């Protein structure tokens, strides 16, 4: 599933479960994947230059395999079920 810049980085409340197929355009600064059903973030490919990533209210248990872009200023993982942060 490709994502277009026309959404402005807002993919909240879309029932997303698999992030491995998501692709985002360059220049995206804010990305909201809040209120989905994401469990595994290991396949999430984030664009360079991303500054804020919102992943609250999902089903994320561990962060292994999550690769954060250099320069990320904010990461919101509240209201998940995280037990392993060794990936950060």
N, C-alpha and C. Protein backbone atom coordinates (compact mmCIF):
# COMPACT_ATOMS: atom_id res chain seq x y z
N UNK A 1 0.84 -1.16 0.00
CA UNK A 1 0.00 0.00 0.00
C UNK A 1 0.89 1.23 0.00
N UNK A 2 0.80 2.07 -1.00
CA UNK A 2 1.57 3.30 -1.06
C UNK A 2 0.79 4.42 -0.42
N UNK A 3 1.48 5.38 0.12
CA UNK A 3 0.81 6.50 0.76
C UNK A 3 1.16 7.76 0.00
N UNK A 4 0.19 8.60 -0.19
CA UNK A 4 0.44 9.83 -0.93
C UNK A 4 0.60 11.01 0.01
N UNK A 5 1.33 12.00 -0.46
CA UNK A 5 1.57 13.20 0.34
C UNK A 5 0.29 14.00 0.54
N UNK A 6 -0.73 13.73 -0.26
CA UNK A 6 -1.97 14.49 -0.16
C UNK A 6 -2.63 14.33 1.20
N UNK A 7 -2.32 13.27 1.91
CA UNK A 7 -2.89 13.06 3.24
C UNK A 7 -2.13 13.87 4.29
N UNK A 8 -1.03 14.46 3.92
CA UNK A 8 -0.27 15.26 4.86
C UNK A 8 0.31 14.48 6.02
N UNK A 9 0.47 13.19 5.87
CA UNK A 9 1.06 12.38 6.92
C UNK A 9 0.09 11.91 7.97
N UNK A 10 -1.21 12.07 7.75
CA UNK A 10 -2.20 11.65 8.73
C UNK A 10 -2.84 10.33 8.29
N UNK A 11 -2.45 9.24 8.96
CA UNK A 11 -2.98 7.92 8.68
C UNK A 11 -3.61 7.33 9.93
N UNK A 12 -4.16 8.19 10.78
CA UNK A 12 -4.81 7.76 12.01
C UNK A 12 -6.16 7.13 11.69
N UNK A 13 -6.57 6.21 12.53
CA UNK A 13 -7.91 5.61 12.46
C UNK A 13 -8.21 4.94 11.13
N UNK A 14 -7.22 4.28 10.53
CA UNK A 14 -7.44 3.63 9.24
C UNK A 14 -7.42 2.11 9.32
N UNK A 15 -7.30 1.57 10.52
CA UNK A 15 -7.29 0.12 10.67
C UNK A 15 -6.02 -0.54 10.16
N UNK A 16 -4.94 0.21 10.09
CA UNK A 16 -3.67 -0.31 9.57
C UNK A 16 -3.11 -1.36 10.53
N UNK A 17 -2.73 -2.51 9.97
CA UNK A 17 -2.13 -3.57 10.77
C UNK A 17 -0.70 -3.86 10.31
N UNK A 18 -0.45 -3.75 9.02
CA UNK A 18 0.86 -4.09 8.44
C UNK A 18 1.54 -2.83 7.92
N UNK A 19 2.62 -2.41 8.58
CA UNK A 19 3.32 -1.19 8.16
C UNK A 19 4.41 -1.46 7.14
N UNK A 20 4.70 -2.73 6.86
CA UNK A 20 5.81 -3.05 5.97
C UNK A 20 5.56 -2.61 4.53
N UNK A 21 4.32 -2.44 4.14
CA UNK A 21 4.00 -2.03 2.78
C UNK A 21 3.80 -0.52 2.63
N UNK A 22 3.84 0.21 3.72
CA UNK A 22 3.64 1.66 3.66
C UNK A 22 4.87 2.36 3.10
N UNK A 23 4.67 3.31 2.21
CA UNK A 23 5.75 4.12 1.66
C UNK A 23 5.32 5.58 1.73
N UNK A 24 6.22 6.42 2.17
CA UNK A 24 5.91 7.84 2.34
C UNK A 24 6.82 8.68 1.47
N UNK A 25 6.30 9.78 1.00
CA UNK A 25 7.06 10.66 0.12
C UNK A 25 8.10 11.45 0.92
N UNK A 26 9.16 11.83 0.21
CA UNK A 26 10.19 12.67 0.83
C UNK A 26 9.58 13.99 1.26
N UNK A 27 10.18 14.58 2.27
CA UNK A 27 9.73 15.88 2.74
C UNK A 27 8.65 15.81 3.81
N UNK A 28 8.19 14.61 4.13
CA UNK A 28 7.18 14.46 5.18
C UNK A 28 7.83 14.77 6.52
N UNK A 29 7.23 15.68 7.27
CA UNK A 29 7.79 16.12 8.55
C UNK A 29 7.04 15.50 9.73
N UNK A 30 5.73 15.38 9.61
CA UNK A 30 4.88 14.82 10.65
C UNK A 30 4.18 13.58 10.11
N UNK A 31 4.21 12.50 10.90
CA UNK A 31 3.53 11.27 10.49
C UNK A 31 2.72 10.75 11.67
N UNK A 32 1.41 10.63 11.47
CA UNK A 32 0.53 10.11 12.49
C UNK A 32 -0.04 8.77 12.06
N UNK A 33 0.28 7.74 12.83
CA UNK A 33 -0.27 6.41 12.64
C UNK A 33 -1.04 6.01 13.90
N UNK A 34 -1.60 7.00 14.57
CA UNK A 34 -2.35 6.79 15.81
C UNK A 34 -3.62 5.98 15.56
N UNK A 35 -4.06 5.30 16.61
CA UNK A 35 -5.36 4.62 16.62
C UNK A 35 -5.53 3.62 15.48
N UNK A 36 -4.52 2.82 15.27
CA UNK A 36 -4.60 1.74 14.30
C UNK A 36 -4.47 0.42 15.04
N UNK A 37 -4.10 -0.63 14.36
CA UNK A 37 -3.96 -1.94 14.99
C UNK A 37 -2.56 -2.49 14.73
N UNK A 38 -1.58 -1.61 14.79
CA UNK A 38 -0.19 -1.95 14.49
C UNK A 38 0.41 -2.72 15.67
N UNK A 39 0.98 -3.88 15.37
CA UNK A 39 1.64 -4.70 16.38
C UNK A 39 3.15 -4.67 16.16
N UNK A 40 3.56 -4.83 14.92
CA UNK A 40 4.97 -4.96 14.54
C UNK A 40 5.43 -3.74 13.77
N UNK A 41 6.45 -3.04 14.27
CA UNK A 41 6.97 -1.84 13.60
C UNK A 41 8.29 -2.12 12.88
N UNK A 42 8.72 -3.37 12.86
CA UNK A 42 10.04 -3.68 12.29
C UNK A 42 10.12 -3.40 10.79
N UNK A 43 9.02 -3.42 10.09
CA UNK A 43 9.05 -3.17 8.65
C UNK A 43 8.73 -1.74 8.25
N UNK A 44 8.60 -0.86 9.23
CA UNK A 44 8.23 0.53 8.95
C UNK A 44 9.43 1.29 8.38
N UNK A 45 9.30 1.78 7.16
CA UNK A 45 10.35 2.56 6.51
C UNK A 45 9.96 4.03 6.58
N UNK A 46 10.73 4.78 7.33
CA UNK A 46 10.42 6.19 7.55
C UNK A 46 11.27 7.09 6.66
N UNK A 47 10.69 8.19 6.19
CA UNK A 47 11.43 9.08 5.29
C UNK A 47 12.47 9.91 6.03
N UNK A 48 13.56 10.22 5.34
CA UNK A 48 14.55 11.13 5.90
C UNK A 48 13.89 12.48 6.12
N UNK A 49 14.29 13.16 7.16
CA UNK A 49 13.73 14.48 7.45
C UNK A 49 12.49 14.45 8.32
N UNK A 50 11.98 13.25 8.63
CA UNK A 50 10.82 13.15 9.51
C UNK A 50 11.19 13.70 10.88
N UNK A 51 10.35 14.57 11.42
CA UNK A 51 10.65 15.19 12.71
C UNK A 51 9.76 14.68 13.84
N UNK A 52 8.52 14.31 13.51
CA UNK A 52 7.59 13.87 14.54
C UNK A 52 6.84 12.62 14.07
N UNK A 53 6.89 11.58 14.92
CA UNK A 53 6.23 10.32 14.61
C UNK A 53 5.27 9.98 15.76
N UNK A 54 4.01 9.81 15.41
CA UNK A 54 2.97 9.51 16.38
C UNK A 54 2.46 8.10 16.14
N UNK A 55 2.63 7.25 17.14
CA UNK A 55 2.19 5.85 17.06
C UNK A 55 1.32 5.49 18.27
N UNK A 56 0.64 6.45 18.87
CA UNK A 56 -0.13 6.15 20.08
C UNK A 56 -1.40 5.36 19.76
N UNK A 57 -1.85 4.67 20.77
CA UNK A 57 -3.07 3.85 20.70
C UNK A 57 -2.99 2.80 19.60
N UNK A 58 -1.95 1.98 19.65
CA UNK A 58 -1.82 0.82 18.78
C UNK A 58 -1.65 -0.41 19.66
N UNK A 59 -1.13 -1.47 19.11
CA UNK A 59 -0.93 -2.72 19.86
C UNK A 59 0.54 -3.12 19.88
N UNK A 60 1.42 -2.14 19.81
CA UNK A 60 2.86 -2.38 19.72
C UNK A 60 3.38 -2.98 21.03
N UNK A 61 4.12 -4.07 20.91
CA UNK A 61 4.67 -4.77 22.07
C UNK A 61 6.16 -4.53 22.20
N UNK A 62 6.89 -4.58 21.08
CA UNK A 62 8.32 -4.33 21.15
C UNK A 62 8.77 -3.47 19.98
N UNK A 63 9.91 -2.84 20.16
CA UNK A 63 10.42 -1.87 19.19
C UNK A 63 11.61 -2.40 18.41
N UNK A 64 11.88 -3.69 18.52
CA UNK A 64 13.02 -4.24 17.78
C UNK A 64 12.77 -4.07 16.29
N UNK A 65 13.80 -3.66 15.61
CA UNK A 65 13.71 -3.46 14.17
C UNK A 65 13.21 -2.09 13.75
N UNK A 66 12.83 -1.25 14.70
CA UNK A 66 12.39 0.09 14.35
C UNK A 66 13.61 0.98 14.13
N UNK A 67 13.73 1.49 12.94
CA UNK A 67 14.86 2.34 12.59
C UNK A 67 14.36 3.78 12.48
N UNK A 68 14.82 4.62 13.38
CA UNK A 68 14.35 6.00 13.42
C UNK A 68 15.28 6.90 12.60
N UNK A 69 14.70 7.83 11.86
CA UNK A 69 15.54 8.72 11.05
C UNK A 69 16.33 9.69 11.93
N UNK A 70 17.51 10.04 11.46
CA UNK A 70 18.32 11.02 12.16
C UNK A 70 17.56 12.34 12.17
N UNK A 71 17.57 13.02 13.27
CA UNK A 71 16.89 14.30 13.36
C UNK A 71 15.46 14.21 13.86
N UNK A 72 14.99 13.00 14.17
CA UNK A 72 13.64 12.86 14.72
C UNK A 72 13.60 13.60 16.06
N UNK A 73 12.64 14.49 16.21
CA UNK A 73 12.55 15.30 17.42
C UNK A 73 11.55 14.76 18.43
N UNK A 74 10.52 14.06 17.94
CA UNK A 74 9.50 13.56 18.85
C UNK A 74 8.99 12.21 18.40
N UNK A 75 8.86 11.30 19.36
CA UNK A 75 8.31 9.97 19.12
C UNK A 75 7.27 9.72 20.20
N UNK A 76 6.02 9.54 19.80
CA UNK A 76 4.93 9.31 20.75
C UNK A 76 4.46 7.87 20.64
N UNK A 77 4.72 7.10 21.67
CA UNK A 77 4.34 5.69 21.72
C UNK A 77 3.38 5.40 22.87
N UNK A 78 2.73 6.42 23.38
CA UNK A 78 1.84 6.23 24.52
C UNK A 78 0.65 5.35 24.15
N UNK A 79 0.13 4.69 25.15
CA UNK A 79 -1.03 3.82 25.02
C UNK A 79 -0.79 2.65 24.07
N UNK A 80 0.35 2.00 24.24
CA UNK A 80 0.67 0.76 23.57
C UNK A 80 0.92 -0.29 24.64
N UNK A 81 1.43 -1.43 24.27
CA UNK A 81 1.67 -2.52 25.22
C UNK A 81 3.15 -2.90 25.20
N UNK A 82 4.01 -1.91 25.13
CA UNK A 82 5.45 -2.12 24.93
C UNK A 82 6.08 -2.77 26.16
N UNK A 83 6.80 -3.86 25.91
CA UNK A 83 7.54 -4.54 26.97
C UNK A 83 9.04 -4.59 26.66
N UNK A 84 9.41 -4.29 25.41
CA UNK A 84 10.82 -4.36 25.00
C UNK A 84 11.17 -3.12 24.19
N UNK A 85 12.09 -2.31 24.73
CA UNK A 85 12.53 -1.10 24.04
C UNK A 85 13.97 -1.24 23.55
N UNK A 86 14.47 -2.45 23.49
CA UNK A 86 15.86 -2.66 23.11
C UNK A 86 16.15 -2.22 21.68
N UNK A 87 15.12 -2.03 20.87
CA UNK A 87 15.33 -1.61 19.50
C UNK A 87 15.67 -0.14 19.35
N UNK A 88 15.50 0.63 20.39
CA UNK A 88 15.77 2.08 20.28
C UNK A 88 17.21 2.41 20.56
